[in-house]
Amino acid sequence: MPQDSPAPAQDAAPLLNAILAPGAVFVGGGGPGHATPQHLLLKYGNRHGLIAGATGTGKTVTLQVLAEAFSTAGVPVFLSDVKGDLAGLAKAGSPDGKLHGPFAARAATIGYDLGYTAFPVTFWDLWAEQGHPVRTTVTEMGPLLLARLLDLTDVQEGVLNIAFRMADEEGLPLFDLKDLQAMLVFVGENARDIGLRYGNVSAASIGAIQRQLLVLENQGGTRLFGEPALDLADLMSVAPDGRGRINILAADRLMGAPRLYATFLLWLLSELFEELPEVGDPDQPRFVFFFDEAHLLFDDAPKALVDKVEQVARLIRSKGVGVYFVTQNPADVPEDILGQLGNRVQHALRAFTGKDQKDLARAAQNYRPNPEFDTETAIKEVGTGEAVTSFLEAKGVPGIVQRTLVRPPASQLGPITAAERAAVIAASPFGAKYATTIDRDSAFERLRARADAAAKEVEVVGEAEPEFNAGRRYGGKTVPAKKPAARSSRSDSIAETFGKSLARQLGTQAGRSIVRGVLGGLFKAR
């Protein structure tokens, strides 16, 4: 099988041993002089985590370091690259880099054997420009997340739920946006009958949803829905050398549509929750999911959605999945979810306003105190690359808070060139699988076939029954009424009357059968 990133460097073995410890990954040095190793226990890697801090304090480096550590332990990782600089995971760092000097000094301080290596990376991109296309189907997204994505009202969400229910009952698969648009038209045309079963469906609600779908198309949402849909097994694969693949979603352009970004990541998290089996209490996570810019998930989110995120965060750990929220301020994460994040890396927070000071005090209260320093003061004072950390210890007990100097990354810090990215994508084992879009028979095609069949039936009936004086043909054209034929007089003979009646009967199949029967009887009588 071809590899989807450069192989590790020649001297990678001692480096990987430095990153790993028995049952744990090395994060940095804490305590006096930063000489005490700080480890994240793999057994509790699925107890979720938080990486927080103001802009420029080192959150991205910490995310990169943790992704390297989990990959080294054989754990697949998913993360979004909001600024484009996490692509450096696919390339080894270099002693010639401008940060090698500071990194070497930091490594010496914390007792870390500095070395460089690349990691197995797979690039994904909604627009299929900076990675493999990533898709899901409308059915898999579901009405709750789709309503969030479209910013629908409760009434409009109810109509959307009716559309999904009708699609299921009528055997109309919803794969892409044109399927959903056709289904909404079907619901609108049958609103009278549907209303008797599920409640009123107004044309205004249908129109509002269709307009929001148009906005979604303009934002690139059409590319999100379709087939082949993303296979979770491809995200959770392991490279031939035993390291977990690091899946990087190109999100720099996607951030222009923040609701689309947040809804997609929440869908992916929900799919992991629904599809993966229970594994109990594993020795290490099966998968780690980093949710960068996590505040976008909760901004103006309805309670039903927040409750769903809380449910997923509470239960998905039993399926071996660890979720790490990355955000500027811990206050961006609701309290019920924040309380479930056992592994925490808090970079510096700036307290310029009264609200900032309250958030800082609240953040400090979330840590187990260390008698050697004041946590609130430490959060304000830690420098770039340094953080206040707390990792779960034996039996899941929160560790005492430490001031930790985070280890340098082994991969390149910063973006890679377009040519280097293209080479990684070309070598990926997943390129052929997702390159071509599949358009299967679904709601759009089936509803169109129904409409065509109905139109032909109307035309056939119109031709077979010429006795109708007027009618509206399919296509909207009105057939003008025929003028009644003038009668010659009231004194038509019986023969003439019978002849006219016979002519009319011969115009229909039933009439012709009757006439043949009558004439046959007459010939037999002769």
Protein backbone atom coordinates (compact mmCIF):
# COMPACT_ATOMS: atom_id res chain seq x y z
CA MET A 1 0.00 0.00 0.00
CA PRO A 2 1.42 3.42 -0.87
CA GLN A 3 2.19 5.75 1.95
CA ASP A 4 0.39 9.06 2.20
CA SER A 5 3.31 11.04 3.64
CA PRO A 6 7.09 10.86 3.67
CA ALA A 7 8.63 8.06 5.71
CA PRO A 8 10.17 8.87 9.10
CA ALA A 9 13.72 10.17 9.16
CA GLN A 10 16.63 7.77 9.65
CA ASP A 11 17.11 8.77 13.29
CA ALA A 12 13.41 8.68 14.13
CA ALA A 13 13.55 5.66 16.45
CA PRO A 14 15.25 7.38 19.43
CA LEU A 15 13.06 10.42 18.86
CA LEU A 16 9.88 8.39 18.98
CA ASN A 17 11.11 6.72 22.14
CA ALA A 18 11.60 10.18 23.62
CA ILE A 19 8.03 11.13 22.79
CA LEU A 20 6.59 7.93 24.26
CA ALA A 21 6.87 6.62 27.80
CA PRO A 22 5.30 3.40 29.11
CA GLY A 23 1.56 4.00 28.71
CA ALA A 24 2.00 7.76 28.31
CA VAL A 25 3.13 10.53 25.96
CA PHE A 26 5.63 13.23 26.87
CA VAL A 27 4.16 16.74 26.75
CA GLY A 28 6.84 18.90 28.37
CA GLY A 29 8.68 19.76 31.54
CA GLY A 30 7.12 21.18 34.70
CA GLY A 31 8.02 21.94 38.27
CA PRO A 32 11.05 23.98 39.40
CA GLY A 33 13.26 24.70 36.39
CA HIS A 34 10.85 22.73 34.18
CA ALA A 35 12.86 19.61 34.97
CA THR A 36 9.96 17.32 35.91
CA PRO A 37 8.50 15.41 32.92
CA GLN A 38 4.80 15.97 32.34
CA HIS A 39 2.95 13.07 30.72
CA LEU A 40 -0.55 12.52 29.38
CA LEU A 41 -1.56 8.96 30.27
CA LEU A 42 -2.83 7.10 27.21
CA LYS A 43 -5.30 5.19 29.37
CA TYR A 44 -7.08 8.49 30.00
CA GLY A 45 -6.56 9.98 26.56
CA ASN A 46 -10.25 9.36 25.82
CA ARG A 47 -11.31 11.44 28.83
CA HIS A 48 -11.25 14.48 26.55
CA GLY A 49 -9.28 17.67 26.94
CA LEU A 50 -8.98 21.42 26.51
CA ILE A 51 -6.33 23.57 24.84
CA ALA A 52 -7.02 27.24 25.56
CA GLY A 53 -5.21 30.55 25.41
CA ALA A 54 -5.10 33.94 23.78
CA THR A 55 -3.88 34.43 20.22
CA GLY A 56 -0.12 33.96 19.86
CA THR A 57 0.42 32.05 23.11
CA GLY A 58 1.26 28.68 21.54
CA LYS A 59 -2.04 26.77 21.20
CA THR A 60 -1.22 25.60 17.67
CA VAL A 61 2.17 24.20 18.72
CA THR A 62 0.54 22.33 21.60
CA LEU A 63 -2.06 20.89 19.26
CA GLN A 64 0.71 19.81 16.87
CA VAL A 65 2.73 18.25 19.69
CA LEU A 66 -0.27 16.25 20.99
CA ALA A 67 -1.18 15.09 17.46
CA GLU A 68 2.40 13.85 17.00
CA ALA A 69 2.30 12.06 20.33
CA PHE A 70 -0.98 10.25 19.68
CA SER A 71 0.14 9.29 16.16
CA THR A 72 3.39 7.90 17.58
CA ALA A 73 1.35 5.76 19.95
CA GLY A 74 -0.60 4.32 16.99
CA VAL A 75 -3.73 6.44 17.55
CA PRO A 76 -5.35 8.04 14.45
CA VAL A 77 -6.07 11.76 14.76
CA PHE A 78 -8.42 14.24 13.11
CA LEU A 79 -7.83 17.99 13.25
CA SER A 80 -8.77 21.07 11.27
CA ASP A 81 -6.11 23.40 9.88
CA VAL A 82 -7.64 26.83 10.31
CA LYS A 83 -4.54 28.88 9.36
CA GLY A 84 -2.77 26.43 7.06
CA ASP A 85 0.27 25.93 9.29
CA LEU A 86 -0.59 22.46 10.64
CA ALA A 87 0.22 21.00 7.22
CA GLY A 88 3.83 20.99 8.46
CA LEU A 89 3.03 17.70 10.21
CA ALA A 90 3.65 16.02 6.84
CA LYS A 91 7.27 17.23 6.74
CA ALA A 92 10.16 16.77 9.13
CA GLY A 93 11.55 19.80 10.90
CA SER A 94 15.06 20.89 10.01
CA PRO A 95 18.18 21.83 11.96
CA ASP A 96 18.52 24.64 9.43
CA GLY A 97 15.18 26.15 10.42
CA LYS A 98 15.13 29.54 12.08
CA LEU A 99 13.50 28.10 15.22
CA HIS A 100 16.00 25.30 15.69
CA GLY A 101 18.07 27.35 18.15
CA PRO A 102 15.17 28.20 20.49
CA PHE A 103 13.82 24.67 20.18
CA ALA A 104 17.20 23.17 21.09
CA ALA A 105 17.43 25.43 24.15
CA ARG A 106 13.93 24.45 25.23
CA ALA A 107 14.70 20.75 24.70
CA ALA A 108 17.80 21.03 26.87
CA THR A 109 15.80 22.73 29.62
CA ILE A 110 13.19 20.00 29.83
CA GLY A 111 15.56 17.07 29.21
CA TYR A 112 14.20 16.16 25.78
CA ASP A 113 16.27 14.58 23.00
CA LEU A 114 15.40 16.89 20.09
CA GLY A 115 15.05 15.30 16.67
CA TYR A 116 12.94 15.76 13.56
CA THR A 117 10.64 13.47 11.57
CA ALA A 118 7.55 13.61 9.34
CA PHE A 119 4.25 11.98 10.21
CA PRO A 120 1.71 10.05 8.11
CA VAL A 121 -0.74 12.71 6.99
CA THR A 122 -3.91 12.60 4.88
CA PHE A 123 -5.28 15.90 3.60
CA TRP A 124 -9.03 16.53 3.22
CA ASP A 125 -10.84 19.53 1.76
CA LEU A 126 -14.51 20.33 1.23
CA TRP A 127 -13.61 22.03 -2.06
CA ALA A 128 -11.24 19.20 -3.12
CA GLU A 129 -8.47 21.73 -3.80
CA GLN A 130 -6.08 21.12 -0.89
CA GLY A 131 -6.99 17.51 -0.18
CA HIS A 132 -9.36 14.67 -0.94
CA PRO A 133 -13.02 15.72 -1.17
CA VAL A 134 -14.99 15.07 1.99
CA ARG A 135 -18.73 14.45 1.66
CA THR A 136 -21.74 13.21 3.56
CA THR A 137 -25.37 12.65 2.54
CA VAL A 138 -28.39 14.71 3.55
CA THR A 139 -29.85 11.67 5.30
CA GLU A 140 -26.69 11.14 7.36
CA MET A 141 -26.60 14.81 8.34
CA GLY A 142 -30.17 14.56 9.67
CA PRO A 143 -32.79 17.27 10.28
CA LEU A 144 -31.38 18.55 13.60
CA LEU A 145 -27.91 19.41 12.30
CA LEU A 146 -29.29 20.55 8.95
CA ALA A 147 -31.67 22.94 10.70
CA ARG A 148 -28.68 24.33 12.62
CA LEU A 149 -26.71 24.66 9.41
CA LEU A 150 -29.57 26.53 7.70
CA ASP A 151 -30.40 28.61 10.80
CA LEU A 152 -34.08 27.60 10.66
CA THR A 153 -36.83 28.58 13.06
CA ASP A 154 -38.67 25.95 15.10
CA VAL A 155 -41.56 25.95 12.63
CA GLN A 156 -39.24 25.57 9.65
CA GLU A 157 -37.35 22.80 11.43
CA GLY A 158 -40.68 21.04 11.90
CA VAL A 159 -41.34 21.20 8.15
CA LEU A 160 -37.86 19.83 7.52
CA ASN A 161 -38.60 16.92 9.84
CA ILE A 162 -41.79 16.22 7.87
CA ALA A 163 -39.78 16.18 4.63
CA PHE A 164 -37.35 13.63 6.09
CA ARG A 165 -40.26 11.50 7.36
CA MET A 166 -42.04 11.57 4.01
CA ALA A 167 -38.82 10.69 2.18
CA ASP A 168 -38.46 7.64 4.40
CA GLU A 169 -42.08 6.55 3.92
CA GLU A 170 -42.04 7.08 0.15
CA GLY A 171 -38.70 5.32 -0.37
CA LEU A 172 -36.97 8.48 -1.62
CA PRO A 173 -33.26 8.56 -0.64
CA LEU A 174 -31.83 12.00 0.18
CA PHE A 175 -28.20 12.07 -0.93
CA ASP A 176 -27.52 15.62 -2.14
CA LEU A 177 -29.10 19.07 -2.02
CA LYS A 178 -31.13 18.63 -5.20
CA ASP A 179 -32.77 15.60 -3.58
CA LEU A 180 -33.78 17.71 -0.59
CA GLN A 181 -34.99 20.56 -2.79
CA ALA A 182 -37.13 18.16 -4.84
CA MET A 183 -38.50 16.61 -1.66
CA LEU A 184 -39.54 20.01 -0.33
CA VAL A 185 -41.41 20.69 -3.58
CA PHE A 186 -43.18 17.34 -3.18
CA VAL A 187 -44.16 18.21 0.39
CA GLY A 188 -45.47 21.60 -0.74
CA GLU A 189 -47.56 20.12 -3.55
CA ASN A 190 -49.10 17.59 -1.16
CA ALA A 191 -49.41 19.93 1.79
CA ARG A 192 -53.19 19.40 2.12
CA ASP A 193 -52.92 15.62 2.57
CA ILE A 194 -49.72 15.82 4.62
CA GLY A 195 -51.25 18.39 6.94
CA LEU A 196 -53.94 15.94 8.03
CA ARG A 197 -51.23 13.56 9.31
CA TYR A 198 -48.34 15.73 10.49
CA GLY A 199 -49.67 19.27 10.84
CA ASN A 200 -49.87 22.31 8.62
CA VAL A 201 -47.15 22.89 6.03
CA SER A 202 -47.20 26.43 4.72
CA ALA A 203 -45.81 27.60 1.42
CA ALA A 204 -43.99 30.36 3.31
CA SER A 205 -42.02 27.82 5.38
CA ILE A 206 -41.14 25.80 2.29
CA GLY A 207 -39.97 28.95 0.55
CA ALA A 208 -37.86 30.04 3.52
CA ILE A 209 -36.06 26.68 3.64
CA GLN A 210 -35.44 26.77 -0.11
CA ARG A 211 -33.92 30.24 0.21
CA GLN A 212 -31.60 29.05 2.96
CA LEU A 213 -30.56 26.12 0.78
CA LEU A 214 -29.69 28.63 -1.94
CA VAL A 215 -27.49 30.52 0.53
CA LEU A 216 -25.82 27.24 1.48
CA GLU A 217 -25.13 26.51 -2.20
CA ASN A 218 -23.47 29.89 -2.56
CA GLN A 219 -21.22 29.08 0.41
CA GLY A 220 -20.10 25.82 -1.18
CA GLY A 221 -22.46 23.53 0.71
CA THR A 222 -23.33 21.66 -2.48
CA ARG A 223 -19.90 20.04 -2.32
CA LEU A 224 -20.52 18.76 1.20
CA PHE A 225 -23.50 16.62 0.22
CA GLY A 226 -23.16 13.69 -2.15
CA GLU A 227 -21.44 10.38 -2.68
CA PRO A 228 -19.13 8.67 -2.07
CA ALA A 229 -19.61 9.73 1.54
CA LEU A 230 -16.67 9.82 3.91
CA ASP A 231 -15.87 6.38 5.32
CA LEU A 232 -14.95 6.55 9.01
CA ALA A 233 -12.66 3.56 8.57
CA ASP A 234 -10.43 5.68 6.33
CA LEU A 235 -10.04 8.25 9.11
CA MET A 236 -9.23 5.60 11.68
CA SER A 237 -6.56 3.78 9.69
CA VAL A 238 -2.96 3.17 10.73
CA ALA A 239 0.09 3.72 8.51
CA PRO A 240 2.26 0.73 7.50
CA ASP A 241 4.85 1.69 10.14
CA GLY A 242 2.23 1.39 12.91
CA ARG A 243 1.70 5.10 13.53
CA GLY A 244 -1.80 6.53 13.46
CA ARG A 245 -2.68 8.63 10.44
CA ILE A 246 -3.15 12.34 11.08
CA ASN A 247 -6.18 13.55 9.09
CA ILE A 248 -5.98 17.28 8.38
CA LEU A 249 -9.04 19.18 7.15
CA ALA A 250 -8.11 22.30 5.16
CA ALA A 251 -10.30 24.85 6.95
CA ASP A 252 -8.80 28.21 6.03
CA ARG A 253 -11.41 28.78 3.30
CA LEU A 254 -14.11 26.91 5.21
CA MET A 255 -13.84 29.42 8.06
CA GLY A 256 -15.53 31.92 5.74
CA ALA A 257 -18.72 29.94 6.44
CA PRO A 258 -18.36 29.32 10.20
CA ARG A 259 -21.75 27.65 10.60
CA LEU A 260 -20.89 25.18 7.84
CA TYR A 261 -17.53 24.49 9.50
CA ALA A 262 -19.00 23.87 12.95
CA THR A 263 -21.90 21.76 11.68
CA PHE A 264 -19.64 19.55 9.60
CA LEU A 265 -17.34 18.83 12.54
CA LEU A 266 -20.31 18.15 14.80
CA TRP A 267 -21.72 15.77 12.18
CA LEU A 268 -18.40 13.92 12.09
CA LEU A 269 -18.36 13.67 15.87
CA SER A 270 -21.95 12.40 15.86
CA GLU A 271 -21.13 9.78 13.22
CA LEU A 272 -18.26 8.49 15.36
CA PHE A 273 -20.63 8.27 18.31
CA GLU A 274 -23.36 6.45 16.38
CA GLU A 275 -21.22 4.08 14.31
CA LEU A 276 -18.45 2.92 16.67
CA PRO A 277 -19.06 0.01 19.04
CA GLU A 278 -18.54 0.17 22.79
CA VAL A 279 -15.00 -0.77 23.84
CA GLY A 280 -15.23 -0.17 27.57
CA ASP A 281 -11.99 1.11 29.12
CA PRO A 282 -9.20 0.69 26.52
CA ASP A 283 -5.49 1.04 27.22
CA GLN A 284 -5.35 3.93 24.76
CA PRO A 285 -7.84 5.82 22.59
CA ARG A 286 -8.97 4.39 19.28
CA PHE A 287 -9.28 7.88 17.81
CA VAL A 288 -8.62 11.47 18.91
CA PHE A 289 -10.62 14.40 17.57
CA PHE A 290 -9.39 18.01 17.90
CA PHE A 291 -12.14 20.62 17.57
CA ASP A 292 -10.35 23.90 16.76
CA GLU A 293 -12.19 27.23 17.11
CA ALA A 294 -14.64 25.41 19.38
CA HIS A 295 -16.55 28.59 20.21
CA LEU A 296 -18.13 28.40 16.74
CA LEU A 297 -19.92 25.26 17.83
CA PHE A 298 -21.71 26.97 20.70
CA ASP A 299 -22.26 30.52 19.40
CA ASP A 300 -26.06 31.07 19.27
CA ALA A 301 -26.59 27.30 19.33
CA PRO A 302 -30.09 26.16 20.38
CA LYS A 303 -30.40 24.21 23.61
CA ALA A 304 -31.23 20.99 21.75
CA LEU A 305 -27.90 21.18 19.92
CA VAL A 306 -25.89 21.95 23.07
CA ASP A 307 -27.61 19.03 24.80
CA LYS A 308 -26.59 16.77 21.91
CA VAL A 309 -22.94 17.87 22.16
CA GLU A 310 -23.02 17.25 25.91
CA GLN A 311 -24.48 13.79 25.37
CA VAL A 312 -21.87 12.90 22.77
CA ALA A 313 -19.01 14.19 24.93
CA ARG A 314 -20.29 12.23 27.93
CA LEU A 315 -20.82 8.91 26.15
CA ILE A 316 -18.32 8.79 23.29
CA ARG A 317 -15.37 8.12 25.59
CA SER A 318 -16.74 4.58 26.13
CA LYS A 319 -16.22 4.06 22.41
CA GLY A 320 -12.55 4.94 22.70
CA VAL A 321 -12.75 8.45 21.23
CA GLY A 322 -11.09 11.43 22.87
CA VAL A 323 -12.36 14.94 22.04
CA TYR A 324 -10.09 17.96 22.60
CA PHE A 325 -11.61 21.43 22.34
CA VAL A 326 -9.26 24.19 21.18
CA THR A 327 -10.38 27.75 21.87
CA GLN A 328 -9.17 31.10 23.14
CA ASN A 329 -11.13 31.15 26.37
CA PRO A 330 -12.43 28.26 28.49
CA ALA A 331 -15.61 30.29 28.95
CA ASP A 332 -16.41 29.55 25.30
CA VAL A 333 -17.28 25.98 26.34
CA PRO A 334 -20.49 25.42 28.36
CA GLU A 335 -19.96 24.40 31.99
CA ASP A 336 -21.61 20.97 31.61
CA ILE A 337 -19.16 20.09 28.83
CA LEU A 338 -16.16 21.81 30.42
CA GLY A 339 -16.57 19.61 33.49
CA GLN A 340 -15.95 16.50 31.36
CA LEU A 341 -12.57 17.66 30.00
CA GLY A 342 -9.99 15.86 32.12
CA ASN A 343 -6.72 16.81 30.35
CA ARG A 344 -6.09 20.55 30.21
CA VAL A 345 -3.46 22.80 28.70
CA GLN A 346 -4.12 26.45 29.52
CA HIS A 347 -1.90 29.01 27.78
CA ALA A 348 -1.88 32.66 28.81
CA LEU A 349 -5.12 34.62 29.11
CA ARG A 350 -5.19 38.40 28.87
CA ALA A 351 -7.38 40.20 31.42
CA PHE A 352 -8.02 43.67 30.01
CA THR A 353 -11.69 44.09 30.95
CA GLY A 354 -13.88 43.21 33.90
CA LYS A 355 -15.31 40.26 31.97
CA ASP A 356 -11.79 39.06 31.14
CA GLN A 357 -10.87 39.13 34.83
CA LYS A 358 -13.96 37.11 35.76
CA ASP A 359 -13.18 34.57 33.02
CA LEU A 360 -9.60 34.33 34.26
CA ALA A 361 -10.70 33.70 37.85
CA ARG A 362 -13.18 31.08 36.67
CA ALA A 363 -10.51 29.35 34.57
CA ALA A 364 -8.19 29.15 37.59
CA GLN A 365 -10.92 27.53 39.68
CA ASN A 366 -11.05 24.58 37.29
CA TYR A 367 -7.62 23.30 38.41
CA ARG A 368 -6.42 21.35 41.41
CA PRO A 369 -4.35 23.93 43.35
CA ASN A 370 -0.58 23.77 43.61
CA PRO A 371 0.78 25.17 46.90
CA GLU A 372 3.91 26.44 45.11
CA PHE A 373 2.15 29.15 43.08
CA ASP A 374 -1.17 30.92 42.53
CA THR A 375 -2.94 29.45 39.51
CA GLU A 376 -4.68 32.67 38.48
CA THR A 377 -1.40 34.57 38.52
CA ALA A 378 0.37 31.81 36.60
CA ILE A 379 -2.24 31.86 33.82
CA LYS A 380 -1.53 35.56 33.33
CA GLU A 381 2.24 35.22 33.45
CA VAL A 382 3.14 32.11 31.41
CA GLY A 383 5.07 32.97 28.26
CA THR A 384 4.82 31.71 24.69
CA GLY A 385 5.26 27.94 24.59
CA GLU A 386 4.59 27.67 28.31
CA ALA A 387 1.25 26.63 29.79
CA VAL A 388 -0.58 25.76 32.97
CA THR A 389 -1.33 22.04 32.66
CA SER A 390 -3.27 19.37 34.47
CA PHE A 391 -3.48 15.76 33.25
CA LEU A 392 -5.45 12.91 34.77
CA GLU A 393 -3.43 10.66 37.05
CA ALA A 394 -4.00 7.10 38.29
CA LYS A 395 -7.69 6.22 38.79
CA GLY A 396 -8.67 9.30 36.79
CA VAL A 397 -7.81 11.80 39.53
CA PRO A 398 -7.05 15.32 38.22
CA GLY A 399 -3.35 16.10 38.52
CA ILE A 400 -2.02 19.06 40.49
CA VAL A 401 -1.67 22.10 38.25
CA GLN A 402 1.85 22.68 36.89
CA ARG A 403 3.63 25.38 34.94
CA THR A 404 4.84 23.38 31.94
CA LEU A 405 7.21 24.21 29.12
CA VAL A 406 5.76 22.35 26.11
CA ARG A 407 8.25 20.26 24.10
CA PRO A 408 9.22 21.37 20.56
CA PRO A 409 7.46 19.67 17.64
CA ALA A 410 9.32 17.00 15.66
CA SER A 411 7.63 17.98 12.40
CA GLN A 412 7.93 21.29 10.58
CA LEU A 413 6.37 24.24 12.33
CA GLY A 414 4.43 26.12 9.66
CA PRO A 415 2.94 25.46 6.22
CA ILE A 416 4.39 23.38 3.40
CA THR A 417 4.58 24.35 -0.26
CA ALA A 418 1.82 23.60 -2.76
CA ALA A 419 4.11 21.13 -4.53
CA GLU A 420 4.82 19.27 -1.27
CA ARG A 421 1.12 19.10 -0.48
CA ALA A 422 0.35 17.81 -3.99
CA ALA A 423 2.96 15.06 -3.57
CA VAL A 424 1.36 13.90 -0.30
CA ILE A 425 -2.10 13.89 -1.90
CA ALA A 426 -0.85 11.97 -4.97
CA ALA A 427 0.71 9.28 -2.77
CA SER A 428 -2.41 8.83 -0.66
CA PRO A 429 -4.20 5.46 -0.81
CA PHE A 430 -7.59 7.21 -0.75
CA GLY A 431 -7.34 9.36 -3.88
CA ALA A 432 -9.08 7.00 -6.31
CA LYS A 433 -11.88 6.25 -3.85
CA TYR A 434 -13.10 9.83 -3.45
CA ALA A 435 -12.01 11.53 -6.68
CA THR A 436 -15.16 10.86 -8.73
CA THR A 437 -18.62 11.94 -7.59
CA ILE A 438 -21.39 9.32 -7.83
CA ASP A 439 -24.96 10.41 -8.61
CA ARG A 440 -27.22 7.45 -7.79
CA ASP A 441 -30.96 7.11 -8.33
CA SER A 442 -32.49 9.06 -5.47
CA ALA A 443 -35.33 11.42 -4.54
CA PHE A 444 -34.69 13.90 -7.37
CA GLU A 445 -34.68 11.27 -10.12
CA ARG A 446 -37.61 9.30 -8.69
CA LEU A 447 -39.84 12.32 -8.22
CA ARG A 448 -39.02 13.49 -11.73
CA ALA A 449 -39.90 10.03 -13.07
CA ARG A 450 -43.24 10.21 -11.25
CA ALA A 451 -43.97 13.61 -12.74
CA ASP A 452 -43.10 12.39 -16.27
CA ALA A 453 -45.33 9.32 -15.85
CA ALA A 454 -48.20 11.48 -14.60
CA ALA A 455 -47.79 13.83 -17.56
CA LYS A 456 -47.93 10.95 -20.07
CA GLU A 457 -51.02 9.55 -18.37
CA VAL A 458 -52.78 12.88 -18.68
CA GLU A 459 -51.93 13.05 -22.41
CA VAL A 460 -53.16 9.50 -23.03
CA VAL A 461 -56.43 10.12 -21.21
CA GLY A 462 -56.91 13.33 -23.16
CA GLU A 463 -56.52 11.52 -26.51
CA ALA A 464 -58.68 8.52 -25.53
CA GLU A 465 -61.64 10.63 -24.40
CA PRO A 466 -62.39 13.19 -27.12
CA GLU A 467 -65.93 13.61 -25.80
CA PHE A 468 -64.60 16.06 -23.22
CA ASN A 469 -65.27 19.46 -24.67
CA ALA A 470 -62.45 21.26 -22.88
CA GLY A 471 -59.45 20.37 -20.73
CA ARG A 472 -56.08 21.62 -19.50
CA ARG A 473 -53.23 19.63 -20.98
CA TYR A 474 -49.91 19.03 -19.18
CA GLY A 475 -47.77 22.01 -19.87
CA GLY A 476 -50.35 24.63 -19.09
CA LYS A 477 -51.99 25.07 -22.53
CA THR A 478 -55.79 25.21 -22.58
CA VAL A 479 -57.59 23.29 -25.34
CA PRO A 480 -60.41 25.50 -26.67
CA ALA A 481 -63.94 24.17 -26.32
CA LYS A 482 -65.54 22.70 -29.43
CA LYS A 483 -68.70 24.31 -30.72
CA PRO A 484 -71.70 21.97 -30.62
CA ALA A 485 -72.74 20.73 -34.04
CA ALA A 486 -75.93 22.32 -35.32
CA ARG A 487 -78.88 19.96 -35.65
CA SER A 488 -80.58 19.89 -39.04
CA SER A 489 -84.08 19.54 -37.63
CA ARG A 490 -86.17 17.74 -35.07
CA SER A 491 -87.48 15.40 -37.75
CA ASP A 492 -84.36 13.26 -38.15
CA SER A 493 -85.31 9.77 -39.16
CA ILE A 494 -84.75 6.79 -36.89
CA ALA A 495 -82.06 5.52 -39.25
CA GLU A 496 -80.20 8.82 -39.12
CA THR A 497 -80.45 8.90 -35.32
CA PHE A 498 -79.13 5.29 -35.06
CA GLY A 499 -76.30 6.10 -37.48
CA LYS A 500 -75.14 9.06 -35.41
CA SER A 501 -75.34 7.01 -32.23
CA LEU A 502 -73.37 4.20 -33.88
CA ALA A 503 -70.68 6.63 -34.98
CA ARG A 504 -70.31 7.93 -31.44
CA GLN A 505 -70.07 4.41 -30.02
CA LEU A 506 -67.39 3.44 -32.52
CA GLY A 507 -65.25 6.22 -31.02
CA THR A 508 -64.68 4.22 -27.83
CA GLN A 509 -63.34 0.74 -27.19
CA ALA A 510 -66.39 -0.28 -25.18
CA GLY A 511 -68.71 1.03 -27.89
CA ARG A 512 -66.90 -0.92 -30.58
CA SER A 513 -67.28 -4.12 -28.53
CA ILE A 514 -70.99 -3.57 -28.12
CA VAL A 515 -71.49 -2.86 -31.80
CA ARG A 516 -69.53 -5.98 -32.81
CA GLY A 517 -71.75 -8.04 -30.50
CA VAL A 518 -74.95 -6.60 -31.95
CA LEU A 519 -73.84 -7.06 -35.54
CA GLY A 520 -72.65 -10.61 -34.84
CA GLY A 521 -76.06 -11.47 -33.48
CA LEU A 522 -77.75 -10.08 -36.55
CA PHE A 523 -75.58 -12.17 -38.91
CA LYS A 524 -76.30 -15.34 -36.92
CA ALA A 525 -80.01 -14.57 -37.08
CA ARG A 526 -79.79 -14.43 -40.88
